Amino acid sequence: MKMHETGLAVGAMMALVHTVWAILVWLNVAQGFLDWIFTIHSLANPYFVLPFNLAQSLTLVGTTFVIGYAVGMVFANIWNRVVKK
């Protein structure tokens, strides 16, 4: 398994999920979504969504990409060591 490509794939997926979240915040529908997620898990939602902030959203997406990239690289490295051809 190629470490760099796996890192890019996992990082891109993590960034995509958080980009969708940032869009939901921007559209002012994130609170309703969060309330619904808690409700279907039979939980009360103790959190509230803050107003959209572009700098925070870009930081969120960038940070999750970097973390996802690192997780993907670690996963591929472990996979390559465990699964011998």
N, C-alpha and C. Protein backbone atom coordinates (compact mmCIF):
# COMPACT_ATOMS: atom_id res chain seq x y z
N MET A 1 0.86 -1.17 0.00
CA MET A 1 0.00 0.00 0.00
C MET A 1 0.91 1.24 0.00
N LYS A 2 0.59 2.17 -0.87
CA LYS A 2 1.42 3.36 -0.99
C LYS A 2 1.06 4.36 0.11
N MET A 3 2.06 4.71 0.91
CA MET A 3 1.82 5.56 2.08
C MET A 3 1.32 6.95 1.70
N HIS A 4 1.99 7.57 0.73
CA HIS A 4 1.62 8.94 0.35
C HIS A 4 0.20 8.98 -0.22
N GLU A 5 -0.12 8.05 -1.10
CA GLU A 5 -1.45 8.04 -1.71
C GLU A 5 -2.54 7.74 -0.68
N THR A 6 -2.25 6.82 0.24
CA THR A 6 -3.22 6.52 1.30
C THR A 6 -3.42 7.74 2.19
N GLY A 7 -2.33 8.42 2.52
CA GLY A 7 -2.43 9.64 3.32
C GLY A 7 -3.26 10.70 2.63
N LEU A 8 -3.05 10.87 1.33
CA LEU A 8 -3.83 11.86 0.58
C LEU A 8 -5.31 11.49 0.56
N ALA A 9 -5.60 10.20 0.37
CA ALA A 9 -7.00 9.76 0.30
C ALA A 9 -7.71 9.97 1.64
N VAL A 10 -7.07 9.57 2.73
CA VAL A 10 -7.70 9.73 4.05
C VAL A 10 -7.79 11.21 4.40
N GLY A 11 -6.74 11.96 4.13
CA GLY A 11 -6.76 13.40 4.40
C GLY A 11 -7.85 14.11 3.60
N ALA A 12 -8.00 13.75 2.34
CA ALA A 12 -9.03 14.37 1.50
C ALA A 12 -10.43 14.04 2.01
N MET A 13 -10.62 12.80 2.43
CA MET A 13 -11.94 12.41 2.95
C MET A 13 -12.27 13.18 4.23
N MET A 14 -11.29 13.27 5.13
CA MET A 14 -11.50 14.02 6.38
C MET A 14 -11.79 15.50 6.07
N ALA A 15 -11.04 16.07 5.14
CA ALA A 15 -11.25 17.47 4.77
C ALA A 15 -12.62 17.67 4.14
N LEU A 16 -13.06 16.72 3.31
CA LEU A 16 -14.37 16.82 2.68
C LEU A 16 -15.49 16.82 3.71
N VAL A 17 -15.42 15.90 4.66
CA VAL A 17 -16.44 15.82 5.71
C VAL A 17 -16.52 17.14 6.48
N HIS A 18 -15.38 17.71 6.80
CA HIS A 18 -15.36 18.95 7.57
C HIS A 18 -15.71 20.17 6.71
N THR A 19 -15.48 20.09 5.41
CA THR A 19 -15.94 21.14 4.51
C THR A 19 -17.46 21.16 4.47
N VAL A 20 -18.07 19.97 4.41
CA VAL A 20 -19.53 19.87 4.45
C VAL A 20 -20.05 20.48 5.76
N TRP A 21 -19.39 20.16 6.87
CA TRP A 21 -19.81 20.74 8.16
C TRP A 21 -19.72 22.26 8.11
N ALA A 22 -18.63 22.80 7.58
CA ALA A 22 -18.46 24.26 7.50
C ALA A 22 -19.56 24.88 6.63
N ILE A 23 -19.94 24.20 5.56
CA ILE A 23 -21.03 24.70 4.71
C ILE A 23 -22.35 24.69 5.47
N LEU A 24 -22.59 23.64 6.25
CA LEU A 24 -23.81 23.58 7.06
C LEU A 24 -23.85 24.73 8.07
N VAL A 25 -22.70 25.05 8.66
CA VAL A 25 -22.63 26.18 9.60
C VAL A 25 -22.91 27.48 8.85
N TRP A 26 -22.30 27.65 7.68
CA TRP A 26 -22.49 28.85 6.87
C TRP A 26 -23.95 29.04 6.47
N LEU A 27 -24.65 27.92 6.18
CA LEU A 27 -26.06 27.97 5.77
C LEU A 27 -27.02 28.05 6.96
N ASN A 28 -26.48 28.07 8.16
CA ASN A 28 -27.28 28.13 9.40
C ASN A 28 -28.20 26.92 9.58
N VAL A 29 -27.77 25.75 9.14
CA VAL A 29 -28.56 24.53 9.34
C VAL A 29 -27.82 23.52 10.21
N ALA A 30 -26.61 23.85 10.63
CA ALA A 30 -25.81 22.91 11.41
C ALA A 30 -26.43 22.61 12.77
N GLN A 31 -27.04 23.60 13.41
CA GLN A 31 -27.62 23.37 14.74
C GLN A 31 -28.74 22.34 14.66
N GLY A 32 -29.60 22.47 13.67
CA GLY A 32 -30.68 21.51 13.49
C GLY A 32 -30.15 20.11 13.23
N PHE A 33 -29.11 20.02 12.42
CA PHE A 33 -28.49 18.72 12.13
C PHE A 33 -27.90 18.11 13.40
N LEU A 34 -27.19 18.92 14.16
CA LEU A 34 -26.58 18.45 15.40
C LEU A 34 -27.65 18.01 16.40
N ASP A 35 -28.72 18.79 16.51
CA ASP A 35 -29.83 18.41 17.40
C ASP A 35 -30.42 17.07 16.97
N TRP A 36 -30.61 16.88 15.67
CA TRP A 36 -31.17 15.63 15.14
C TRP A 36 -30.26 14.44 15.44
N ILE A 37 -28.94 14.62 15.24
CA ILE A 37 -27.99 13.53 15.51
C ILE A 37 -28.08 13.11 16.97
N PHE A 38 -28.10 14.07 17.87
CA PHE A 38 -28.22 13.74 19.29
C PHE A 38 -29.55 13.05 19.59
N THR A 39 -30.63 13.55 19.00
CA THR A 39 -31.96 12.99 19.25
C THR A 39 -32.05 11.53 18.81
N ILE A 40 -31.53 11.20 17.64
CA ILE A 40 -31.64 9.80 17.18
C ILE A 40 -30.77 8.86 18.01
N HIS A 41 -29.86 9.43 18.79
CA HIS A 41 -29.06 8.63 19.72
C HIS A 41 -29.64 8.68 21.14
N SER A 42 -30.84 9.22 21.26
CA SER A 42 -31.54 9.36 22.56
C SER A 42 -30.72 10.16 23.56
N LEU A 43 -30.14 11.26 23.08
CA LEU A 43 -29.32 12.13 23.92
C LEU A 43 -29.84 13.56 23.85
N ALA A 44 -29.59 14.32 24.89
CA ALA A 44 -29.88 15.76 24.88
C ALA A 44 -28.62 16.47 24.39
N ASN A 45 -28.81 17.44 23.52
CA ASN A 45 -27.67 18.16 22.95
C ASN A 45 -27.24 19.31 23.88
N PRO A 46 -26.03 19.20 24.47
CA PRO A 46 -25.56 20.28 25.34
C PRO A 46 -24.78 21.36 24.58
N TYR A 47 -24.64 21.21 23.26
CA TYR A 47 -23.81 22.11 22.46
C TYR A 47 -24.64 23.06 21.62
N PHE A 48 -24.05 24.22 21.29
CA PHE A 48 -24.68 25.11 20.33
C PHE A 48 -23.62 25.53 19.32
N VAL A 49 -24.07 25.74 18.10
CA VAL A 49 -23.17 26.07 16.99
C VAL A 49 -22.94 27.57 16.97
N LEU A 50 -21.69 27.96 16.88
CA LEU A 50 -21.32 29.38 16.81
C LEU A 50 -21.55 29.91 15.40
N PRO A 51 -21.61 31.22 15.24
CA PRO A 51 -21.75 31.80 13.90
C PRO A 51 -20.56 31.42 13.01
N PHE A 52 -20.81 31.39 11.71
CA PHE A 52 -19.77 31.03 10.74
C PHE A 52 -18.61 32.01 10.80
N ASN A 53 -17.40 31.46 10.76
CA ASN A 53 -16.18 32.25 10.73
C ASN A 53 -15.26 31.61 9.70
N LEU A 54 -14.95 32.34 8.63
CA LEU A 54 -14.17 31.78 7.53
C LEU A 54 -12.80 31.29 7.98
N ALA A 55 -12.11 32.08 8.78
CA ALA A 55 -10.77 31.69 9.24
C ALA A 55 -10.82 30.40 10.05
N GLN A 56 -11.80 30.28 10.94
CA GLN A 56 -11.94 29.05 11.73
C GLN A 56 -12.26 27.86 10.83
N SER A 57 -13.11 28.07 9.84
CA SER A 57 -13.48 26.98 8.93
C SER A 57 -12.29 26.51 8.11
N LEU A 58 -11.49 27.44 7.61
CA LEU A 58 -10.30 27.07 6.84
C LEU A 58 -9.30 26.33 7.73
N THR A 59 -9.17 26.78 8.97
CA THR A 59 -8.28 26.10 9.92
C THR A 59 -8.79 24.69 10.19
N LEU A 60 -10.09 24.54 10.36
CA LEU A 60 -10.69 23.22 10.59
C LEU A 60 -10.41 22.28 9.43
N VAL A 61 -10.66 22.73 8.22
CA VAL A 61 -10.47 21.87 7.04
C VAL A 61 -8.99 21.54 6.85
N GLY A 62 -8.12 22.52 6.99
CA GLY A 62 -6.69 22.27 6.83
C GLY A 62 -6.13 21.34 7.89
N THR A 63 -6.54 21.56 9.13
CA THR A 63 -6.06 20.72 10.23
C THR A 63 -6.53 19.29 10.08
N THR A 64 -7.80 19.10 9.71
CA THR A 64 -8.29 17.73 9.56
C THR A 64 -7.65 17.04 8.36
N PHE A 65 -7.29 17.80 7.32
CA PHE A 65 -6.56 17.19 6.21
C PHE A 65 -5.20 16.68 6.68
N VAL A 66 -4.47 17.51 7.40
CA VAL A 66 -3.13 17.13 7.88
C VAL A 66 -3.22 15.92 8.81
N ILE A 67 -4.17 15.93 9.73
CA ILE A 67 -4.33 14.80 10.65
C ILE A 67 -4.73 13.55 9.88
N GLY A 68 -5.66 13.68 8.93
CA GLY A 68 -6.06 12.54 8.11
C GLY A 68 -4.92 12.00 7.28
N TYR A 69 -4.09 12.90 6.75
CA TYR A 69 -2.92 12.47 5.98
C TYR A 69 -1.98 11.65 6.86
N ALA A 70 -1.72 12.13 8.06
CA ALA A 70 -0.84 11.42 8.99
C ALA A 70 -1.42 10.06 9.37
N VAL A 71 -2.71 10.02 9.65
CA VAL A 71 -3.37 8.75 10.00
C VAL A 71 -3.28 7.78 8.83
N GLY A 72 -3.51 8.26 7.62
CA GLY A 72 -3.41 7.41 6.44
C GLY A 72 -2.01 6.87 6.24
N MET A 73 -1.01 7.70 6.45
CA MET A 73 0.38 7.26 6.32
C MET A 73 0.71 6.19 7.36
N VAL A 74 0.30 6.41 8.60
CA VAL A 74 0.55 5.44 9.67
C VAL A 74 -0.17 4.13 9.35
N PHE A 75 -1.43 4.21 8.93
CA PHE A 75 -2.19 3.02 8.58
C PHE A 75 -1.49 2.23 7.48
N ALA A 76 -1.07 2.91 6.40
CA ALA A 76 -0.40 2.23 5.29
C ALA A 76 0.91 1.61 5.74
N ASN A 77 1.64 2.30 6.59
CA ASN A 77 2.91 1.77 7.09
C ASN A 77 2.68 0.49 7.90
N ILE A 78 1.70 0.53 8.79
CA ILE A 78 1.37 -0.67 9.58
C ILE A 78 0.90 -1.79 8.67
N TRP A 79 0.03 -1.46 7.73
CA TRP A 79 -0.48 -2.46 6.77
C TRP A 79 0.68 -3.12 6.04
N ASN A 80 1.62 -2.32 5.55
CA ASN A 80 2.75 -2.87 4.80
C ASN A 80 3.63 -3.77 5.66
N ARG A 81 3.72 -3.48 6.94
CA ARG A 81 4.53 -4.32 7.83
C ARG A 81 3.82 -5.61 8.21
N VAL A 82 2.49 -5.55 8.34
CA VAL A 82 1.72 -6.72 8.77
C VAL A 82 1.40 -7.65 7.60
N VAL A 83 0.99 -7.07 6.49
CA VAL A 83 0.59 -7.87 5.32
C VAL A 83 1.79 -8.00 4.40
N LYS A 84 2.40 -9.15 4.44
CA LYS A 84 3.56 -9.41 3.59
C LYS A 84 3.09 -10.01 2.27
N LYS A 85 3.69 -9.58 1.19
CA LYS A 85 3.33 -10.10 -0.14
C LYS A 85 3.93 -11.47 -0.37
